[in-house]
């Protein structure tokens, strides 16, 4: 899995265990950094390129 286009933004959770990425594939994804796996995808909530994400 992962983004199908360029990653435009990243934000790390304070615990250092997770990260959110935003892409021009119109998705935001949450990642488990220790496991190296995607936890969640927000596709229907994003109407355009995801230029910024914040935690």
PDB file of N, CA and C in Angstrom:
ATOM      1  N   UNK A   1       0.834  -1.189   0.000  1.00  0.00           N
ATOM      2  CA  UNK A   1       0.000   0.000   0.000  1.00  0.00           C
ATOM      3  C   UNK A   1       0.869   1.239   0.000  1.00  0.00           C
ATOM      4  N   UNK A   2       0.189   2.359   0.109  1.00  0.00           N
ATOM      5  CA  UNK A   2       0.892   3.631   0.152  1.00  0.00           C
ATOM      6  C   UNK A   2       0.276   4.604  -0.824  1.00  0.00           C
ATOM      7  N   UNK A   3       0.890   5.755  -0.928  1.00  0.00           N
ATOM      8  CA  UNK A   3       0.396   6.787  -1.823  1.00  0.00           C
ATOM      9  C   UNK A   3       0.695   6.427  -3.274  1.00  0.00           C
ATOM     10  N   UNK A   4      -0.225   6.817  -4.137  1.00  0.00           N
ATOM     11  CA  UNK A   4      -0.047   6.578  -5.560  1.00  0.00           C
ATOM     12  C   UNK A   4       0.604   7.742  -6.279  1.00  0.00           C
ATOM     13  N   UNK A   5       0.775   8.842  -5.579  1.00  0.00           N
ATOM     14  CA  UNK A   5       1.381  10.044  -6.155  1.00  0.00           C
ATOM     15  C   UNK A   5       2.377  10.633  -5.151  1.00  0.00           C
ATOM     16  N   UNK A   6       2.881  11.805  -5.466  1.00  0.00           N
ATOM     17  CA  UNK A   6       3.886  12.468  -4.641  1.00  0.00           C
ATOM     18  C   UNK A   6       3.356  12.827  -3.252  1.00  0.00           C
ATOM     19  N   UNK A   7       4.172  12.626  -2.221  1.00  0.00           N
ATOM     20  CA  UNK A   7       3.828  13.027  -0.855  1.00  0.00           C
ATOM     21  C   UNK A   7       4.146  14.507  -0.706  1.00  0.00           C
ATOM     22  N   UNK A   8       3.154  15.274  -0.236  1.00  0.00           N
ATOM     23  CA  UNK A   8       3.278  16.723  -0.133  1.00  0.00           C
ATOM     24  C   UNK A   8       3.464  17.210   1.295  1.00  0.00           C
ATOM     25  N   UNK A   9       3.084  16.402   2.292  1.00  0.00           N
ATOM     26  CA  UNK A   9       3.156  16.854   3.683  1.00  0.00           C
ATOM     27  C   UNK A   9       3.310  15.669   4.626  1.00  0.00           C
ATOM     28  N   UNK A  10       3.975  15.929   5.766  1.00  0.00           N
ATOM     29  CA  UNK A  10       4.174  14.921   6.814  1.00  0.00           C
ATOM     30  C   UNK A  10       4.017  15.582   8.173  1.00  0.00           C
ATOM     31  N   UNK A  11       3.486  14.826   9.124  1.00  0.00           N
ATOM     32  CA  UNK A  11       3.413  15.297  10.503  1.00  0.00           C
ATOM     33  C   UNK A  11       3.548  14.086  11.416  1.00  0.00           C
ATOM     34  N   UNK A  12       4.420  14.219  12.423  1.00  0.00           N
ATOM     35  CA  UNK A  12       4.657  13.131  13.369  1.00  0.00           C
ATOM     36  C   UNK A  12       3.857  13.344  14.641  1.00  0.00           C
ATOM     37  N   UNK A  13       3.334  12.260  15.201  1.00  0.00           N
ATOM     38  CA  UNK A  13       2.668  12.315  16.494  1.00  0.00           C
ATOM     39  C   UNK A  13       3.727  12.534  17.576  1.00  0.00           C
ATOM     40  N   UNK A  14       3.372  13.184  18.680  1.00  0.00           N
ATOM     41  CA  UNK A  14       4.338  13.443  19.754  1.00  0.00           C
ATOM     42  C   UNK A  14       4.994  12.176  20.316  1.00  0.00           C
ATOM     43  N   UNK A  15       4.295  11.043  20.252  1.00  0.00           N
ATOM     44  CA  UNK A  15       4.864   9.803  20.791  1.00  0.00           C
ATOM     45  C   UNK A  15       5.952   9.213  19.894  1.00  0.00           C
ATOM     46  N   UNK A  16       6.106   9.746  18.673  1.00  0.00           N
ATOM     47  CA  UNK A  16       7.124   9.256  17.755  1.00  0.00           C
ATOM     48  C   UNK A  16       6.821   7.904  17.145  1.00  0.00           C
ATOM     49  N   UNK A  17       5.655   7.360  17.435  1.00  0.00           N
ATOM     50  CA  UNK A  17       5.296   6.031  16.948  1.00  0.00           C
ATOM     51  C   UNK A  17       4.464   6.065  15.670  1.00  0.00           C
ATOM     52  N   UNK A  18       3.838   7.220  15.405  1.00  0.00           N
ATOM     53  CA  UNK A  18       2.940   7.331  14.249  1.00  0.00           C
ATOM     54  C   UNK A  18       3.228   8.606  13.465  1.00  0.00           C
ATOM     55  N   UNK A  19       2.770   8.595  12.210  1.00  0.00           N
ATOM     56  CA  UNK A  19       2.957   9.728  11.326  1.00  0.00           C
ATOM     57  C   UNK A  19       1.741   9.821  10.412  1.00  0.00           C
ATOM     58  N   UNK A  20       1.415  11.031   9.974  1.00  0.00           N
ATOM     59  CA  UNK A  20       0.378  11.232   8.963  1.00  0.00           C
ATOM     60  C   UNK A  20       1.046  11.841   7.742  1.00  0.00           C
ATOM     61  N   UNK A  21       0.681  11.340   6.566  1.00  0.00           N
ATOM     62  CA  UNK A  21       1.202  11.890   5.319  1.00  0.00           C
ATOM     63  C   UNK A  21       0.043  12.316   4.433  1.00  0.00           C
ATOM     64  N   UNK A  22       0.269  13.378   3.670  1.00  0.00           N
ATOM     65  CA  UNK A  22      -0.719  13.868   2.718  1.00  0.00           C
ATOM     66  C   UNK A  22      -0.114  13.870   1.330  1.00  0.00           C
ATOM     67  N   UNK A  23      -0.943  13.614   0.321  1.00  0.00           N
ATOM     68  CA  UNK A  23      -0.419  13.419  -1.024  1.00  0.00           C
ATOM     69  C   UNK A  23      -1.282  14.093  -2.079  1.00  0.00           C
ATOM     70  N   UNK A  24      -0.719  14.211  -3.289  1.00  0.00           N
ATOM     71  CA  UNK A  24      -1.535  14.714  -4.384  1.00  0.00           C
ATOM     72  C   UNK A  24      -2.376  13.611  -5.017  1.00  0.00           C
ATOM     73  N   UNK A  25      -2.425  12.429  -4.380  1.00  0.00           N
ATOM     74  CA  UNK A  25      -3.394  11.408  -4.786  1.00  0.00           C
ATOM     75  C   UNK A  25      -4.719  11.596  -4.038  1.00  0.00           C
ATOM     76  N   UNK A  26      -4.842  12.736  -3.344  1.00  0.00           N
ATOM     77  CA  UNK A  26      -6.058  13.143  -2.628  1.00  0.00           C
ATOM     78  C   UNK A  26      -6.358  12.262  -1.422  1.00  0.00           C
ATOM     79  N   UNK A  27      -5.307  11.749  -0.781  1.00  0.00           N
ATOM     80  CA  UNK A  27      -5.489  10.962   0.437  1.00  0.00           C
ATOM     81  C   UNK A  27      -4.566  11.472   1.539  1.00  0.00           C
ATOM     82  N   UNK A  28      -4.990  11.239   2.774  1.00  0.00           N
ATOM     83  CA  UNK A  28      -4.145  11.396   3.953  1.00  0.00           C
ATOM     84  C   UNK A  28      -4.074  10.014   4.582  1.00  0.00           C
ATOM     85  N   UNK A  29      -2.890   9.613   5.003  1.00  0.00           N
ATOM     86  CA  UNK A  29      -2.712   8.267   5.556  1.00  0.00           C
ATOM     87  C   UNK A  29      -1.967   8.336   6.877  1.00  0.00           C
ATOM     88  N   UNK A  30      -2.399   7.491   7.800  1.00  0.00           N
ATOM     89  CA  UNK A  30      -1.729   7.377   9.094  1.00  0.00           C
ATOM     90  C   UNK A  30      -0.874   6.113   9.064  1.00  0.00           C
ATOM     91  N   UNK A  31       0.340   6.242   9.594  1.00  0.00           N
ATOM     92  CA  UNK A  31       1.306   5.148   9.547  1.00  0.00           C
ATOM     93  C   UNK A  31       1.783   4.769  10.942  1.00  0.00           C
ATOM     94  N   UNK A  32       1.975   3.474  11.159  1.00  0.00           N
ATOM     95  CA  UNK A  32       2.638   2.953  12.354  1.00  0.00           C
ATOM     96  C   UNK A  32       4.113   2.838  11.986  1.00  0.00           C
ATOM     97  N   UNK A  33       4.947   3.696  12.542  1.00  0.00           N
ATOM     98  CA  UNK A  33       6.349   3.739  12.149  1.00  0.00           C
ATOM     99  C   UNK A  33       7.136   2.519  12.610  1.00  0.00           C
ATOM    100  N   UNK A  34       6.802   1.983  13.766  1.00  0.00           N
ATOM    101  CA  UNK A  34       7.517   0.813  14.281  1.00  0.00           C
ATOM    102  C   UNK A  34       7.253  -0.410  13.403  1.00  0.00           C
ATOM    103  N   UNK A  35       5.979  -0.606  13.028  1.00  0.00           N
ATOM    104  CA  UNK A  35       5.610  -1.752  12.195  1.00  0.00           C
ATOM    105  C   UNK A  35       5.857  -1.484  10.711  1.00  0.00           C
ATOM    106  N   UNK A  36       5.981  -0.200  10.347  1.00  0.00           N
ATOM    107  CA  UNK A  36       6.174   0.149   8.945  1.00  0.00           C
ATOM    108  C   UNK A  36       4.947  -0.100   8.097  1.00  0.00           C
ATOM    109  N   UNK A  37       3.757   0.056   8.721  1.00  0.00           N
ATOM    110  CA  UNK A  37       2.510  -0.244   8.012  1.00  0.00           C
ATOM    111  C   UNK A  37       1.527   0.913   8.095  1.00  0.00           C
ATOM    112  N   UNK A  38       0.673   0.970   7.089  1.00  0.00           N
ATOM    113  CA  UNK A  38      -0.411   1.946   7.075  1.00  0.00           C
ATOM    114  C   UNK A  38      -1.496   1.516   8.057  1.00  0.00           C
ATOM    115  N   UNK A  39      -1.970   2.464   8.867  1.00  0.00           N
ATOM    116  CA  UNK A  39      -3.020   2.189   9.843  1.00  0.00           C
ATOM    117  C   UNK A  39      -4.384   2.583   9.299  1.00  0.00           C
ATOM    118  N   UNK A  40      -4.432   3.742   8.638  1.00  0.00           N
ATOM    119  CA  UNK A  40      -5.717   4.298   8.228  1.00  0.00           C
ATOM    120  C   UNK A  40      -5.532   5.177   6.994  1.00  0.00           C
ATOM    121  N   UNK A  41      -6.570   5.204   6.151  1.00  0.00           N
ATOM    122  CA  UNK A  41      -6.577   6.065   4.972  1.00  0.00           C
ATOM    123  C   UNK A  41      -7.813   6.945   5.004  1.00  0.00           C
ATOM    124  N   UNK A  42      -7.636   8.232   4.771  1.00  0.00           N
ATOM    125  CA  UNK A  42      -8.758   9.171   4.680  1.00  0.00           C
ATOM    126  C   UNK A  42      -8.866   9.602   3.227  1.00  0.00           C
ATOM    127  N   UNK A  43      -9.689   8.913   2.473  1.00  0.00           N
ATOM    128  CA  UNK A  43      -9.853   9.228   1.059  1.00  0.00           C
ATOM    129  C   UNK A  43     -11.090  10.078   0.828  1.00  0.00           C
ATOM    130  N   UNK A  44     -12.222   9.680   1.373  1.00  0.00           N
ATOM    131  CA  UNK A  44     -13.479  10.377   1.102  1.00  0.00           C
ATOM    132  C   UNK A  44     -13.524  11.759   1.741  1.00  0.00           C
ATOM    133  N   UNK A  45     -12.668  12.006   2.729  1.00  0.00           N
ATOM    134  CA  UNK A  45     -12.652  13.307   3.403  1.00  0.00           C
ATOM    135  C   UNK A  45     -11.835  14.349   2.644  1.00  0.00           C
ATOM    136  N   UNK A  46     -11.065  13.939   1.670  1.00  0.00           N
ATOM    137  CA  UNK A  46     -10.156  14.841   0.960  1.00  0.00           C
ATOM    138  C   UNK A  46     -10.679  15.088  -0.452  1.00  0.00           C
ATOM    139  N   UNK A  47     -10.985  16.340  -0.743  1.00  0.00           N
ATOM    140  CA  UNK A  47     -11.530  16.679  -2.057  1.00  0.00           C
ATOM    141  C   UNK A  47     -10.456  17.096  -3.060  1.00  0.00           C
ATOM    142  N   UNK A  48      -9.259  17.361  -2.596  1.00  0.00           N
ATOM    143  CA  UNK A  48      -8.179  17.784  -3.484  1.00  0.00           C
ATOM    144  C   UNK A  48      -6.845  17.343  -2.929  1.00  0.00           C
ATOM    145  N   UNK A  49      -5.778  17.868  -3.515  1.00  0.00           N
ATOM    146  CA  UNK A  49      -4.440  17.547  -3.033  1.00  0.00           C
ATOM    147  C   UNK A  49      -4.324  17.887  -1.551  1.00  0.00           C
ATOM    148  N   UNK A  50      -3.596  17.075  -0.805  1.00  0.00           N
ATOM    149  CA  UNK A  50      -3.430  17.298   0.635  1.00  0.00           C
ATOM    150  C   UNK A  50      -2.072  17.973   0.849  1.00  0.00           C
ATOM    151  N   UNK A  51      -2.103  19.316   0.883  1.00  0.00           N
ATOM    152  CA  UNK A  51      -0.880  20.105   1.000  1.00  0.00           C
ATOM    153  C   UNK A  51      -0.373  20.221   2.433  1.00  0.00           C
ATOM    154  N   UNK A  52      -1.246  19.997   3.422  1.00  0.00           N
ATOM    155  CA  UNK A  52      -0.824  20.159   4.816  1.00  0.00           C
ATOM    156  C   UNK A  52      -1.572  19.181   5.708  1.00  0.00           C
ATOM    157  N   UNK A  53      -0.853  18.590   6.647  1.00  0.00           N
ATOM    158  CA  UNK A  53      -1.445  17.757   7.694  1.00  0.00           C
ATOM    159  C   UNK A  53      -0.848  18.207   9.017  1.00  0.00           C
ATOM    160  N   UNK A  54      -1.597  18.050  10.091  1.00  0.00           N
ATOM    161  CA  UNK A  54      -1.115  18.448  11.416  1.00  0.00           C
ATOM    162  C   UNK A  54      -1.654  17.497  12.460  1.00  0.00           C
ATOM    163  N   UNK A  55      -0.889  17.332  13.513  1.00  0.00           N
ATOM    164  CA  UNK A  55      -1.288  16.481  14.632  1.00  0.00           C
ATOM    165  C   UNK A  55      -1.475  17.370  15.837  1.00  0.00           C
TER     166      UNK A  55
END
